[in-house]
Structure formats: C-alpha cells, structure tokens
C-alpha cells in the first residue's frame, strides 16, 4: 500500500452511494479520471473521479502525488482508503492511501440475487418443459450453452428502473416465464409450449440493445436506432428461417415479441391479439414494476415509512 496519510477505523467495502460525511472508508473503485493540478502555493495535487455501481465521487490526493501518477491509470480498478468530507455542499473523498488493484471492472458491476449458475439452471429447467419440437428447437437456438447464452447471462434487463444488473435480462426472462406458467395453469385452453417459448424470447432483442461500458449500461447504436422489439423480431425471424419453423407457429412467437409492451404508446408494434400474448404482456408488466419498486425501495436510504418521489411511477412508495 502506498501511503499518503494515516487512516484508522475504516469501513471496509463501503459503497459510494452509502458514504456519509466524516466516514473513513476502504473500497475498490473504478478510476474514471485523474488530473494533476496545482495548489495556490504552486505544489501539485491529484484530482480523481471515482465510481462504483452505486455512483461517483470526486476525490483529492494532496501529498506525494508525483510518484503515484504513473501507477494510477484511468479505466482501472484501485483500492482506496480515505475520509469522506463536504466541499462546496458535495461529498468529496480525501484519499489517504491508494494503489492499483488486480480486481477487474466486471467484478464491480452490480449483480442480482441469482448467480450465473442459478440463471443457467433456471433457463434449462424452463426449456425442458417445452414439449412441442418446433418451439423447443427455437428455444434451444437461443439458450443452448454457447456465445449467445453467455451474452444473455451478462446483459442487464434495463438501463435503469428494473433488473439493471449483470444477468438482469436472464432474471427477468425467468421470472416472466415462471409467472406466465403459473397463471396459465388457470386456463387449460392455453398453449403452454407457446407461452414458455414466447416468454423466454419476448425481450431477446435487449442482448443487442444494451451493452456494458465500464460500470455503466449504455444503449448501442442499434439499440437507439431500432429498439429491442424491432431487434428481437429480426433475430427471431432469422432463426425461424434457419430452423424452417412452421409459419403459423413462427408468426405467433413474433406477435408475442411485437405486442409484449401492450399499447403503441408504450412501444408495442401491435396490441396483443390472442390470450397467450395477452398473458405474457401483463406478466411482463408485473415483473418490471414489482422488481422496479423493490429496487427503488432498497436503494432509498431515507428514514421513515416513505421513499422519495419515484418519478417513473409518479408516486411515493410505502416502506412500512
């Protein structure tokens, strides 16, 4: 450890979003920006911008800066100890010790409650329930072990609001599929194989809509220009042609993808026009909204029974 000062009684593994004034912390953080500046007396100091999955904070190293400069590279993970202070009304970290870490940026990305292996097992179990050979073949095309499944297990479910973590997409697909199965049991007339295959594939376009850039979730050019519904339709259409899936079955899967947002003003290309599509639409909405509210409540640190105002939901949420 390359000391710049003395630190005692530090809070280990503290998240930036949980920093409070006067706290002494030790954390693995991404160094997004570093700049060598000059104090009023002409001596140098380092200005840093540090990030983790919960936010960013400006940091300062006031002493022994020149030996540190070549060791601290932008885009790399560093282990930092320091004291949280207030400067110009904002939290700032005064660094006491800092050194490069062997940890990867990927390790700092947010993760959900299910491990990679649990997500893989969950998808495998759902695929196994499909009895129709054509729907089963289509599900295998996207979810068999390989590069596509690896991408799905990395992709977040959204940029913000819900499932915005590593593997969030797979988590969402599993939840929507399981929920659709359970509700579908109430209606024996429904095609359960269509439900399982359609629910697993309804958001498949998100694999190409979003990508990780460091610790941030960003839209790809394809995602901004087309959106995941159009991308998913193209991906599945190509698979249907390659697999020579019967036309009537392929059209139903494509309709589920095109209609799963429910209404045109919500991004749907068509309103759901058969019961299985309608079911998947509503379960998709339930999972996104319930998980989104849970994530917001977990992140809200204010005391009392109510969260801050949730703008997308247009309401305060009750925590009591």
Protein backbone atom coordinates (compact mmCIF):
# COMPACT_ATOMS: atom_id res chain seq x y z
CA UNK A 1 0.00 0.00 0.00
CA UNK A 2 1.32 3.40 -0.96
CA UNK A 3 0.53 5.67 1.96
CA UNK A 4 -0.47 9.29 1.59
CA UNK A 5 -1.60 9.64 5.20
CA UNK A 6 -2.86 7.67 8.17
CA UNK A 7 -6.27 6.02 8.42
CA UNK A 8 -7.89 4.12 11.28
CA UNK A 9 -11.27 2.53 11.93
CA UNK A 10 -12.22 2.35 8.29
CA UNK A 11 -15.48 0.95 6.93
CA UNK A 12 -14.49 -1.82 4.55
CA UNK A 13 -16.24 -2.42 1.21
CA UNK A 14 -18.26 0.78 1.53
CA UNK A 15 -20.36 1.83 -1.48
CA UNK A 16 -20.18 5.41 -2.73
CA UNK A 17 -23.95 5.71 -2.52
CA UNK A 18 -23.73 4.99 1.21
CA UNK A 19 -20.86 7.39 2.04
CA UNK A 20 -21.60 9.91 4.79
CA UNK A 21 -19.64 12.93 5.98
CA UNK A 22 -16.89 12.05 8.45
CA UNK A 23 -16.81 8.37 7.49
CA UNK A 24 -13.50 6.67 6.85
CA UNK A 25 -13.77 4.08 4.09
CA UNK A 26 -11.81 1.45 2.22
CA UNK A 27 -13.24 0.43 -1.15
CA UNK A 28 -12.47 -0.99 -4.56
CA UNK A 29 -13.41 1.74 -7.05
CA UNK A 30 -13.05 2.44 -10.74
CA UNK A 31 -10.73 5.34 -11.55
CA UNK A 32 -12.62 7.16 -14.29
CA UNK A 33 -10.49 10.31 -14.45
CA UNK A 34 -7.27 11.63 -12.97
CA UNK A 35 -5.74 15.08 -13.33
CA UNK A 36 -2.60 16.62 -11.88
CA UNK A 37 -3.41 20.16 -10.73
CA UNK A 38 -1.64 22.89 -8.79
CA UNK A 39 -2.49 24.38 -5.40
CA UNK A 40 -2.33 28.11 -4.75
CA UNK A 41 1.18 27.68 -3.33
CA UNK A 42 2.34 26.03 -6.55
CA UNK A 43 2.58 22.48 -5.19
CA UNK A 44 0.83 19.63 -7.11
CA UNK A 45 -2.24 17.63 -6.11
CA UNK A 46 -4.27 14.92 -7.82
CA UNK A 47 -7.95 15.30 -8.68
CA UNK A 48 -9.74 11.98 -9.23
CA UNK A 49 -13.20 10.88 -10.27
CA UNK A 50 -14.05 7.51 -8.73
CA UNK A 51 -17.05 5.27 -9.48
CA UNK A 52 -18.72 2.09 -8.32
CA UNK A 53 -22.10 0.55 -9.12
CA UNK A 54 -23.83 2.98 -6.74
CA UNK A 55 -22.47 6.29 -8.06
CA UNK A 56 -19.47 8.60 -8.45
CA UNK A 57 -17.45 10.82 -6.13
CA UNK A 58 -14.68 13.34 -6.63
CA UNK A 59 -11.50 12.63 -4.69
CA UNK A 60 -8.32 14.51 -3.84
CA UNK A 61 -4.78 13.42 -3.06
CA UNK A 62 -2.97 16.35 -1.50
CA UNK A 63 0.50 14.91 -0.82
CA UNK A 64 3.16 12.73 -2.50
CA UNK A 65 1.31 12.88 -5.80
CA UNK A 66 4.10 12.62 -8.38
CA UNK A 67 5.18 9.03 -7.51
CA UNK A 68 1.53 7.96 -7.72
CA UNK A 69 0.79 9.47 -11.12
CA UNK A 70 2.28 6.69 -13.31
CA UNK A 71 0.67 4.00 -11.12
CA UNK A 72 -2.90 5.29 -11.46
CA UNK A 73 -4.42 4.59 -14.86
CA UNK A 74 -7.86 5.73 -15.98
CA UNK A 75 -10.26 2.84 -16.54
CA UNK A 76 -8.55 0.64 -13.94
CA UNK A 77 -9.71 -0.51 -10.51
CA UNK A 78 -7.96 0.94 -7.47
CA UNK A 79 -8.14 0.17 -3.77
CA UNK A 80 -8.73 3.40 -1.87
CA UNK A 81 -8.77 4.42 1.77
CA UNK A 82 -9.85 7.88 2.74
CA UNK A 83 -12.15 10.20 4.63
CA UNK A 84 -15.47 11.49 3.34
CA UNK A 85 -15.81 15.26 3.67
CA UNK A 86 -18.11 18.01 2.44
CA UNK A 87 -16.74 20.53 -0.06
CA UNK A 88 -18.97 23.17 -1.68
CA UNK A 89 -22.01 21.30 -0.46
CA UNK A 90 -20.98 17.97 -2.04
CA UNK A 91 -19.33 14.85 -0.70
CA UNK A 92 -15.66 14.52 -1.52
CA UNK A 93 -13.17 11.79 -0.65
CA UNK A 94 -9.82 12.87 0.75
CA UNK A 95 -7.55 9.95 -0.12
CA UNK A 96 -5.06 8.67 2.44
CA UNK A 97 -3.90 5.51 0.66
CA UNK A 98 -4.39 4.27 -2.88
CA UNK A 99 -2.93 1.54 -5.07
CA UNK A 100 -3.82 -0.35 -8.25
CA UNK A 101 -5.92 -3.47 -7.71
CA UNK A 102 -5.94 -6.79 -9.54
CA UNK A 103 -9.75 -6.73 -9.49
CA UNK A 104 -11.50 -6.33 -12.85
CA UNK A 105 -14.10 -3.76 -13.80
CA UNK A 106 -16.55 -6.64 -14.29
CA UNK A 107 -16.29 -7.51 -10.59
CA UNK A 108 -17.55 -4.04 -9.64
CA UNK A 109 -20.69 -4.24 -11.77
CA UNK A 110 -23.94 -4.73 -9.85
CA UNK A 111 -25.26 -8.29 -9.56
CA UNK A 112 -28.67 -9.61 -8.63
CA UNK A 113 -29.75 -12.24 -6.13
CA UNK A 114 -29.27 -15.17 -8.55
CA UNK A 115 -25.80 -16.41 -9.51
CA UNK A 116 -24.78 -17.14 -13.09
CA UNK A 117 -25.18 -20.87 -12.47
CA UNK A 118 -28.63 -20.39 -10.97
CA UNK A 119 -29.71 -18.37 -14.00
CA UNK A 120 -28.39 -21.04 -16.39
CA UNK A 121 -30.17 -23.76 -14.43
CA UNK A 122 -33.39 -21.76 -14.37
CA UNK A 123 -33.38 -21.33 -18.14
CA UNK A 124 -32.54 -25.00 -18.67
CA UNK A 125 -35.46 -26.09 -16.49
CA UNK A 126 -37.87 -23.90 -18.42
CA UNK A 127 -36.64 -25.12 -21.80
CA UNK A 128 -37.16 -28.70 -20.64
CA UNK A 129 -40.86 -28.01 -20.13
CA UNK A 130 -41.43 -27.31 -23.85
CA UNK A 131 -42.87 -30.43 -25.49
CA UNK A 132 -43.57 -29.04 -28.96
CA UNK A 133 -40.49 -29.90 -31.08
CA UNK A 134 -40.54 -26.64 -33.05
CA UNK A 135 -40.84 -24.35 -30.03
CA UNK A 136 -38.25 -26.46 -28.22
CA UNK A 137 -35.85 -26.15 -31.16
CA UNK A 138 -36.35 -22.38 -31.25
CA UNK A 139 -35.64 -22.04 -27.53
CA UNK A 140 -32.51 -24.19 -27.91
CA UNK A 141 -31.33 -21.94 -30.76
CA UNK A 142 -31.01 -19.00 -28.36
CA UNK A 143 -30.49 -20.62 -24.96
CA UNK A 144 -28.23 -23.61 -25.63
CA UNK A 145 -24.79 -23.29 -23.97
CA UNK A 146 -22.63 -21.06 -26.13
CA UNK A 147 -21.83 -17.43 -27.02
CA UNK A 148 -25.48 -16.33 -27.22
CA UNK A 149 -26.33 -17.66 -23.76
CA UNK A 150 -23.13 -16.08 -22.41
CA UNK A 151 -24.32 -12.71 -23.73
CA UNK A 152 -27.78 -13.20 -22.23
CA UNK A 153 -26.24 -14.00 -18.83
CA UNK A 154 -24.23 -10.76 -18.98
CA UNK A 155 -26.90 -8.40 -20.33
CA UNK A 156 -28.92 -6.19 -17.94
CA UNK A 157 -32.69 -6.19 -18.14
CA UNK A 158 -32.89 -2.41 -18.48
CA UNK A 159 -30.70 0.69 -18.28
CA UNK A 160 -32.48 1.77 -15.09
CA UNK A 161 -35.69 1.17 -13.10
CA UNK A 162 -35.66 -2.67 -13.06
CA UNK A 163 -33.21 -5.57 -13.45
CA UNK A 164 -30.34 -3.15 -14.20
CA UNK A 165 -27.56 -5.52 -13.20
CA UNK A 166 -25.38 -8.27 -14.70
CA UNK A 167 -27.72 -11.08 -15.75
CA UNK A 168 -30.77 -8.90 -15.22
CA UNK A 169 -32.18 -9.90 -18.60
CA UNK A 170 -31.99 -13.62 -17.80
CA UNK A 171 -33.51 -12.96 -14.36
CA UNK A 172 -36.41 -11.09 -15.99
CA UNK A 173 -36.97 -13.78 -18.65
CA UNK A 174 -37.09 -16.49 -16.00
CA UNK A 175 -39.47 -14.51 -13.79
CA UNK A 176 -41.85 -13.67 -16.64
CA UNK A 177 -41.83 -17.26 -17.88
CA UNK A 178 -42.47 -18.72 -14.44
CA UNK A 179 -45.21 -16.21 -13.73
CA UNK A 180 -46.86 -16.90 -17.09
CA UNK A 181 -46.77 -20.64 -16.43
CA UNK A 182 -48.43 -20.30 -13.04
CA UNK A 183 -51.21 -18.02 -14.26
CA UNK A 184 -51.57 -20.07 -17.44
CA UNK A 185 -52.43 -23.14 -15.34
CA UNK A 186 -55.75 -21.45 -14.55
CA UNK A 187 -56.68 -21.67 -18.23
CA UNK A 188 -56.27 -25.22 -19.63
CA UNK A 189 -57.21 -23.97 -23.11
CA UNK A 190 -53.93 -22.07 -23.47
CA UNK A 191 -50.93 -23.41 -25.39
CA UNK A 192 -48.35 -23.77 -22.63
CA UNK A 193 -45.49 -24.51 -25.04
CA UNK A 194 -46.21 -21.24 -26.86
CA UNK A 195 -46.30 -19.41 -23.53
CA UNK A 196 -42.95 -20.77 -22.35
CA UNK A 197 -41.16 -20.19 -25.66
CA UNK A 198 -42.72 -16.77 -26.17
CA UNK A 199 -41.98 -15.59 -22.63
CA UNK A 200 -38.35 -16.69 -22.88
CA UNK A 201 -37.93 -14.81 -26.16
CA UNK A 202 -40.07 -11.71 -25.59
CA UNK A 203 -37.09 -9.46 -24.67
CA UNK A 204 -34.32 -11.25 -26.57
CA UNK A 205 -33.54 -8.07 -28.55
CA UNK A 206 -32.11 -6.49 -25.41
CA UNK A 207 -28.95 -8.55 -25.97
CA UNK A 208 -28.14 -6.12 -28.81
CA UNK A 209 -29.92 -3.06 -27.46
CA UNK A 210 -27.66 -2.50 -24.44
CA UNK A 211 -24.04 -3.08 -23.51
CA UNK A 212 -21.76 -2.53 -20.54
CA UNK A 213 -19.25 0.32 -20.81
CA UNK A 214 -17.17 0.03 -17.67
CA UNK A 215 -19.73 0.24 -14.87
CA UNK A 216 -22.37 1.97 -16.99
CA UNK A 217 -25.20 0.45 -19.02
CA UNK A 218 -25.37 2.19 -22.39
CA UNK A 219 -27.55 1.82 -25.45
CA UNK A 220 -25.82 0.53 -28.57
CA UNK A 221 -26.25 2.36 -31.88
CA UNK A 222 -28.58 -0.45 -32.97
CA UNK A 223 -30.50 -0.11 -29.72
CA UNK A 224 -31.01 3.63 -30.10
CA UNK A 225 -31.99 3.40 -33.75
CA UNK A 226 -34.25 0.33 -33.62
CA UNK A 227 -35.07 -0.64 -30.02
CA UNK A 228 -35.24 -4.14 -28.59
CA UNK A 229 -38.66 -5.02 -30.03
CA UNK A 230 -37.53 -4.49 -33.64
CA UNK A 231 -34.16 -6.10 -32.93
CA UNK A 232 -35.84 -9.13 -31.34
CA UNK A 233 -38.19 -9.54 -34.29
CA UNK A 234 -35.23 -9.57 -36.65
CA UNK A 235 -33.23 -12.03 -34.54
CA UNK A 236 -36.13 -14.46 -34.16
CA UNK A 237 -37.22 -14.11 -37.82
CA UNK A 238 -33.73 -15.15 -38.91
CA UNK A 239 -33.82 -18.12 -36.55
CA UNK A 240 -37.26 -19.20 -37.80
CA UNK A 241 -35.99 -19.23 -41.38
CA UNK A 242 -32.86 -21.14 -40.46
CA UNK A 243 -34.86 -23.74 -38.49
CA UNK A 244 -37.65 -23.90 -41.08
CA UNK A 245 -40.23 -23.47 -38.32
CA UNK A 246 -43.85 -23.84 -39.48
CA UNK A 247 -45.18 -20.44 -40.47
CA UNK A 248 -48.21 -20.39 -38.14
CA UNK A 249 -46.03 -21.14 -35.10
CA UNK A 250 -43.39 -18.59 -36.03
CA UNK A 251 -45.95 -15.84 -36.53
CA UNK A 252 -47.33 -16.40 -33.03
CA UNK A 253 -43.88 -16.07 -31.45
CA UNK A 254 -43.21 -12.92 -33.47
CA UNK A 255 -46.55 -11.45 -32.40
CA UNK A 256 -45.69 -12.03 -28.73
CA UNK A 257 -42.46 -10.07 -29.22
CA UNK A 258 -44.20 -7.31 -31.20
CA UNK A 259 -47.05 -6.93 -28.68
CA UNK A 260 -45.48 -7.53 -25.26
CA UNK A 261 -45.50 -3.81 -24.39
CA UNK A 262 -49.27 -3.85 -24.75
CA UNK A 263 -50.03 -0.47 -26.32
CA UNK A 264 -48.41 1.52 -29.15
CA UNK A 265 -47.69 4.47 -26.85
CA UNK A 266 -45.72 2.06 -24.63
CA UNK A 267 -43.62 0.76 -27.52
CA UNK A 268 -45.75 -2.11 -28.79
CA UNK A 269 -45.92 -2.59 -32.56
CA UNK A 270 -49.24 -4.37 -32.15
CA UNK A 271 -51.69 -4.87 -29.30
CA UNK A 272 -51.85 -8.49 -28.01
CA UNK A 273 -54.32 -10.37 -30.20
CA UNK A 274 -54.53 -13.83 -28.63
CA UNK A 275 -54.68 -14.96 -24.98
CA UNK A 276 -51.09 -16.24 -24.67
CA UNK A 277 -49.73 -12.89 -25.91
CA UNK A 278 -52.05 -11.01 -23.57
CA UNK A 279 -50.89 -13.11 -20.61
CA UNK A 280 -47.19 -12.54 -21.33
CA UNK A 281 -47.77 -8.80 -21.70
CA UNK A 282 -49.37 -8.48 -18.27
CA UNK A 283 -46.84 -10.70 -16.50
CA UNK A 284 -44.02 -8.72 -18.15
CA UNK A 285 -45.54 -5.52 -16.75
CA UNK A 286 -45.97 -7.03 -13.30
CA UNK A 287 -42.36 -8.24 -13.09
CA UNK A 288 -40.89 -4.95 -14.32
CA UNK A 289 -42.98 -2.83 -11.96
CA UNK A 290 -42.70 -5.01 -8.86
CA UNK A 291 -38.95 -5.50 -9.26
CA UNK A 292 -38.55 -1.81 -10.06
CA UNK A 293 -40.36 -0.81 -6.86
CA UNK A 294 -38.31 -3.26 -4.78
CA UNK A 295 -35.04 -1.95 -6.21
CA UNK A 296 -36.08 1.66 -5.60
CA UNK A 297 -37.09 0.94 -2.01
CA UNK A 298 -33.84 -0.90 -1.34
CA UNK A 299 -31.78 2.00 -2.70
CA UNK A 300 -33.74 4.63 -0.78
CA UNK A 301 -31.85 5.32 2.46
CA UNK A 302 -34.06 7.99 4.00
CA UNK A 303 -35.58 7.29 7.40
CA UNK A 304 -39.31 6.77 7.84
CA UNK A 305 -42.04 4.81 6.13
CA UNK A 306 -41.92 6.53 2.74
CA UNK A 307 -39.40 6.73 -0.08
CA UNK A 308 -38.54 9.83 -2.03
CA UNK A 309 -40.80 10.52 -5.01
CA UNK A 310 -40.46 7.85 -7.71
CA UNK A 311 -40.73 9.79 -10.97
CA UNK A 312 -41.35 6.88 -13.37
CA UNK A 313 -44.10 5.53 -11.08
CA UNK A 314 -45.33 9.07 -10.24
CA UNK A 315 -45.78 8.28 -6.54
CA UNK A 316 -44.10 7.86 -3.16
CA UNK A 317 -43.65 4.22 -2.13
CA UNK A 318 -44.55 2.91 1.33
CA UNK A 319 -41.76 1.05 3.16
CA UNK A 320 -43.55 0.41 6.46
